Structures are given as C-alpha cells and as structure tokens.
C-alpha cells in the first residue's frame, strides 16, 4: 500500500450484515464498482463519504477506517 493508504473494514461489515455491494452503493448514492475500489484500497474515500459509510453501518468512523492495517480476525492482536 502507498504511504497515504487508508485501510478499511467495509467488506467485513458488509459480510457480517449480508449487504451486497449494490445495496450499499445505492444507500450511499455511489456506483457499486466504487464499493469494490474502496474495499480493495484502490480508492480512498472523501471525508464526507467516510462519514456516510460509518453512519450507514452505525459505527464510529474509526471502526471502518484506519491509517494502519487492521489485525487479521482470529489473531491475538485482534482480541
């Protein structure tokens, strides 16, 4: 990842809730392919979009986004 990478848990949050990329994209008024770009780290969202995503999932923005990689689920660091 580049120095200005923004890591996210969008895919994890979607999977937990059974939400498709299309459903999330429609709720955020963005193209469904943009959700894929975000999940893969190919596109960093604006502050506005970041806040909209966090609001959609009803979690603080730092639960969704980080400047550091998130620990892998099931690892000791994640506990």
N, C-alpha and C. Protein backbone atom coordinates (compact mmCIF):
# COMPACT_ATOMS: atom_id res chain seq x y z
N UNK A 1 0.84 -1.19 0.00
CA UNK A 1 0.00 0.00 0.00
C UNK A 1 0.89 1.25 0.00
N UNK A 2 0.45 2.31 -0.68
CA UNK A 2 1.22 3.55 -0.67
C UNK A 2 1.23 4.19 0.71
N UNK A 3 2.10 5.17 0.89
CA UNK A 3 2.24 5.84 2.18
C UNK A 3 0.94 6.47 2.66
N UNK A 4 0.09 6.88 1.73
CA UNK A 4 -1.17 7.54 2.11
C UNK A 4 -2.35 6.58 2.06
N UNK A 5 -2.09 5.31 2.30
CA UNK A 5 -3.15 4.30 2.25
C UNK A 5 -4.13 4.49 3.40
N UNK A 6 -5.38 4.23 3.11
CA UNK A 6 -6.42 4.21 4.13
C UNK A 6 -6.99 2.79 4.12
N UNK A 7 -6.86 2.12 5.23
CA UNK A 7 -7.35 0.75 5.35
C UNK A 7 -8.80 0.79 5.81
N UNK A 8 -9.57 -0.23 5.42
CA UNK A 8 -10.98 -0.23 5.81
C UNK A 8 -11.50 -1.63 6.04
N UNK A 9 -12.62 -1.68 6.71
CA UNK A 9 -13.32 -2.93 7.01
C UNK A 9 -14.67 -2.99 6.32
N UNK A 10 -14.81 -2.32 5.21
CA UNK A 10 -16.10 -2.28 4.53
C UNK A 10 -16.56 -3.68 4.15
N UNK A 11 -15.68 -4.49 3.57
CA UNK A 11 -16.07 -5.84 3.15
C UNK A 11 -16.50 -6.68 4.34
N UNK A 12 -15.80 -6.56 5.47
CA UNK A 12 -16.15 -7.31 6.67
C UNK A 12 -17.51 -6.88 7.20
N UNK A 13 -17.73 -5.58 7.25
CA UNK A 13 -19.02 -5.07 7.73
C UNK A 13 -20.16 -5.49 6.81
N UNK A 14 -19.92 -5.45 5.51
CA UNK A 14 -20.96 -5.89 4.57
C UNK A 14 -21.27 -7.37 4.77
N UNK A 15 -20.22 -8.19 4.89
CA UNK A 15 -20.41 -9.64 5.04
C UNK A 15 -21.16 -9.96 6.33
N UNK A 16 -20.79 -9.29 7.41
CA UNK A 16 -21.45 -9.51 8.70
C UNK A 16 -22.95 -9.27 8.62
N UNK A 17 -23.31 -8.28 7.82
CA UNK A 17 -24.71 -7.86 7.74
C UNK A 17 -25.45 -8.40 6.52
N UNK A 18 -24.73 -9.14 5.68
CA UNK A 18 -25.36 -9.70 4.49
C UNK A 18 -25.79 -8.65 3.48
N UNK A 19 -24.99 -7.61 3.33
CA UNK A 19 -25.31 -6.50 2.44
C UNK A 19 -24.47 -6.61 1.16
N UNK A 20 -25.13 -6.52 0.03
CA UNK A 20 -24.41 -6.58 -1.25
C UNK A 20 -23.72 -5.25 -1.54
N UNK A 21 -22.77 -5.29 -2.45
CA UNK A 21 -22.13 -4.04 -2.88
C UNK A 21 -23.17 -3.10 -3.48
N UNK A 22 -24.09 -3.67 -4.25
CA UNK A 22 -25.12 -2.86 -4.90
C UNK A 22 -26.01 -2.17 -3.86
N UNK A 23 -26.42 -2.90 -2.83
CA UNK A 23 -27.29 -2.31 -1.80
C UNK A 23 -26.55 -1.19 -1.07
N UNK A 24 -25.29 -1.42 -0.72
CA UNK A 24 -24.51 -0.38 -0.05
C UNK A 24 -24.34 0.83 -0.96
N UNK A 25 -23.99 0.58 -2.20
CA UNK A 25 -23.79 1.67 -3.16
C UNK A 25 -25.06 2.50 -3.33
N UNK A 26 -26.20 1.82 -3.44
CA UNK A 26 -27.47 2.55 -3.58
C UNK A 26 -27.74 3.42 -2.36
N UNK A 27 -27.47 2.88 -1.17
CA UNK A 27 -27.71 3.64 0.07
C UNK A 27 -26.80 4.86 0.16
N UNK A 28 -25.59 4.75 -0.41
CA UNK A 28 -24.61 5.83 -0.33
C UNK A 28 -24.66 6.75 -1.55
N UNK A 29 -25.49 6.40 -2.53
CA UNK A 29 -25.61 7.15 -3.78
C UNK A 29 -24.27 7.20 -4.53
N UNK A 30 -23.63 6.02 -4.62
CA UNK A 30 -22.40 5.87 -5.40
C UNK A 30 -22.56 4.66 -6.31
N UNK A 31 -21.66 4.49 -7.26
CA UNK A 31 -21.70 3.34 -8.16
C UNK A 31 -21.23 2.10 -7.41
N UNK A 32 -21.84 0.95 -7.69
CA UNK A 32 -21.46 -0.27 -6.96
C UNK A 32 -19.99 -0.64 -7.16
N UNK A 33 -19.41 -0.29 -8.31
CA UNK A 33 -17.99 -0.58 -8.54
C UNK A 33 -17.10 0.24 -7.59
N UNK A 34 -17.57 1.41 -7.19
CA UNK A 34 -16.81 2.24 -6.25
C UNK A 34 -16.65 1.51 -4.92
N UNK A 35 -17.67 0.76 -4.51
CA UNK A 35 -17.57 -0.01 -3.28
C UNK A 35 -16.42 -1.01 -3.40
N UNK A 36 -16.31 -1.67 -4.53
CA UNK A 36 -15.20 -2.60 -4.77
C UNK A 36 -13.85 -1.90 -4.72
N UNK A 37 -13.75 -0.74 -5.35
CA UNK A 37 -12.50 0.02 -5.32
C UNK A 37 -12.12 0.39 -3.89
N UNK A 38 -13.12 0.79 -3.11
CA UNK A 38 -12.88 1.14 -1.71
C UNK A 38 -12.39 -0.08 -0.93
N UNK A 39 -13.09 -1.19 -1.10
CA UNK A 39 -12.75 -2.41 -0.35
C UNK A 39 -11.34 -2.89 -0.67
N UNK A 40 -10.92 -2.77 -1.90
CA UNK A 40 -9.58 -3.21 -2.31
C UNK A 40 -8.49 -2.18 -2.03
N UNK A 41 -8.87 -1.01 -1.54
CA UNK A 41 -7.90 0.03 -1.26
C UNK A 41 -7.40 0.74 -2.50
N UNK A 42 -8.14 0.63 -3.60
CA UNK A 42 -7.76 1.29 -4.85
C UNK A 42 -8.25 2.73 -4.91
N UNK A 43 -9.08 3.09 -3.96
CA UNK A 43 -9.66 4.43 -3.92
C UNK A 43 -9.85 4.81 -2.47
N UNK A 44 -9.37 5.98 -2.09
CA UNK A 44 -9.58 6.48 -0.73
C UNK A 44 -10.79 7.41 -0.74
N UNK A 45 -11.74 7.16 0.15
CA UNK A 45 -12.96 7.97 0.15
C UNK A 45 -12.72 9.37 0.70
N UNK A 46 -13.58 10.28 0.29
CA UNK A 46 -13.57 11.62 0.88
C UNK A 46 -14.00 11.50 2.33
N UNK A 47 -13.76 12.55 3.08
CA UNK A 47 -14.22 12.58 4.47
C UNK A 47 -15.73 12.42 4.51
N UNK A 48 -16.44 13.10 3.63
CA UNK A 48 -17.90 13.01 3.57
C UNK A 48 -18.36 11.58 3.35
N UNK A 49 -17.76 10.90 2.36
CA UNK A 49 -18.15 9.53 2.07
C UNK A 49 -17.77 8.60 3.23
N UNK A 50 -16.63 8.83 3.84
CA UNK A 50 -16.22 8.03 5.00
C UNK A 50 -17.25 8.12 6.12
N UNK A 51 -17.70 9.32 6.39
CA UNK A 51 -18.70 9.53 7.44
C UNK A 51 -20.04 8.90 7.07
N UNK A 52 -20.40 8.99 5.78
CA UNK A 52 -21.65 8.36 5.33
C UNK A 52 -21.59 6.84 5.50
N UNK A 53 -20.44 6.25 5.20
CA UNK A 53 -20.28 4.80 5.33
C UNK A 53 -20.39 4.40 6.80
N UNK A 54 -19.71 5.12 7.67
CA UNK A 54 -19.77 4.82 9.11
C UNK A 54 -21.20 4.98 9.62
N UNK A 55 -21.87 6.02 9.19
CA UNK A 55 -23.25 6.25 9.60
C UNK A 55 -24.16 5.11 9.11
N UNK A 56 -23.94 4.66 7.88
CA UNK A 56 -24.75 3.57 7.34
C UNK A 56 -24.63 2.32 8.21
N UNK A 57 -23.40 2.00 8.61
CA UNK A 57 -23.18 0.81 9.44
C UNK A 57 -23.43 1.07 10.93
N UNK A 58 -23.72 2.33 11.27
CA UNK A 58 -24.00 2.72 12.66
C UNK A 58 -22.83 2.39 13.60
N UNK A 59 -21.63 2.76 13.14
CA UNK A 59 -20.41 2.58 13.93
C UNK A 59 -19.57 3.85 13.82
N UNK A 60 -18.65 4.08 14.77
CA UNK A 60 -17.73 5.22 14.64
C UNK A 60 -16.85 5.04 13.41
N UNK A 61 -16.46 6.15 12.82
CA UNK A 61 -15.67 6.10 11.59
C UNK A 61 -14.37 5.31 11.77
N UNK A 62 -13.79 5.34 12.97
CA UNK A 62 -12.53 4.62 13.19
C UNK A 62 -12.72 3.11 13.26
N UNK A 63 -13.96 2.64 13.35
CA UNK A 63 -14.24 1.20 13.26
C UNK A 63 -14.13 0.75 11.80
N UNK A 64 -14.45 1.66 10.89
CA UNK A 64 -14.44 1.34 9.46
C UNK A 64 -13.08 1.63 8.82
N UNK A 65 -12.45 2.74 9.21
CA UNK A 65 -11.23 3.20 8.55
C UNK A 65 -10.07 3.35 9.52
N UNK A 66 -8.85 3.13 9.00
CA UNK A 66 -7.64 3.28 9.80
C UNK A 66 -6.47 3.62 8.89
N UNK A 67 -5.48 4.30 9.46
CA UNK A 67 -4.24 4.56 8.71
C UNK A 67 -3.27 3.38 8.84
N UNK A 68 -3.55 2.47 9.77
CA UNK A 68 -2.75 1.27 9.97
C UNK A 68 -3.59 0.06 9.56
N UNK A 69 -2.94 -1.00 9.08
CA UNK A 69 -3.71 -2.21 8.73
C UNK A 69 -4.42 -2.76 9.97
N UNK A 70 -5.62 -3.26 9.76
CA UNK A 70 -6.36 -3.89 10.85
C UNK A 70 -5.76 -5.26 11.12
N UNK A 71 -5.75 -5.71 12.39
CA UNK A 71 -5.27 -7.07 12.66
C UNK A 71 -6.21 -8.08 11.99
N UNK A 72 -5.65 -9.20 11.60
CA UNK A 72 -6.47 -10.24 10.99
C UNK A 72 -7.42 -10.81 12.03
N UNK A 73 -8.62 -11.10 11.63
CA UNK A 73 -9.60 -11.67 12.54
C UNK A 73 -9.09 -13.03 13.00
N UNK A 74 -9.23 -13.30 14.29
CA UNK A 74 -8.75 -14.55 14.84
C UNK A 74 -7.31 -14.50 15.33
N UNK A 75 -6.61 -13.39 15.04
CA UNK A 75 -5.23 -13.26 15.52
C UNK A 75 -5.24 -12.74 16.94
N UNK A 76 -4.17 -12.95 17.66
CA UNK A 76 -4.06 -12.48 19.04
C UNK A 76 -4.23 -10.96 19.13
N UNK A 77 -3.73 -10.23 18.15
CA UNK A 77 -3.80 -8.76 18.15
C UNK A 77 -5.24 -8.27 18.03
N UNK A 78 -6.10 -9.08 17.44
CA UNK A 78 -7.49 -8.67 17.23
C UNK A 78 -8.33 -8.86 18.50
N UNK A 79 -7.82 -9.59 19.47
CA UNK A 79 -8.58 -9.89 20.69
C UNK A 79 -8.45 -8.84 21.74
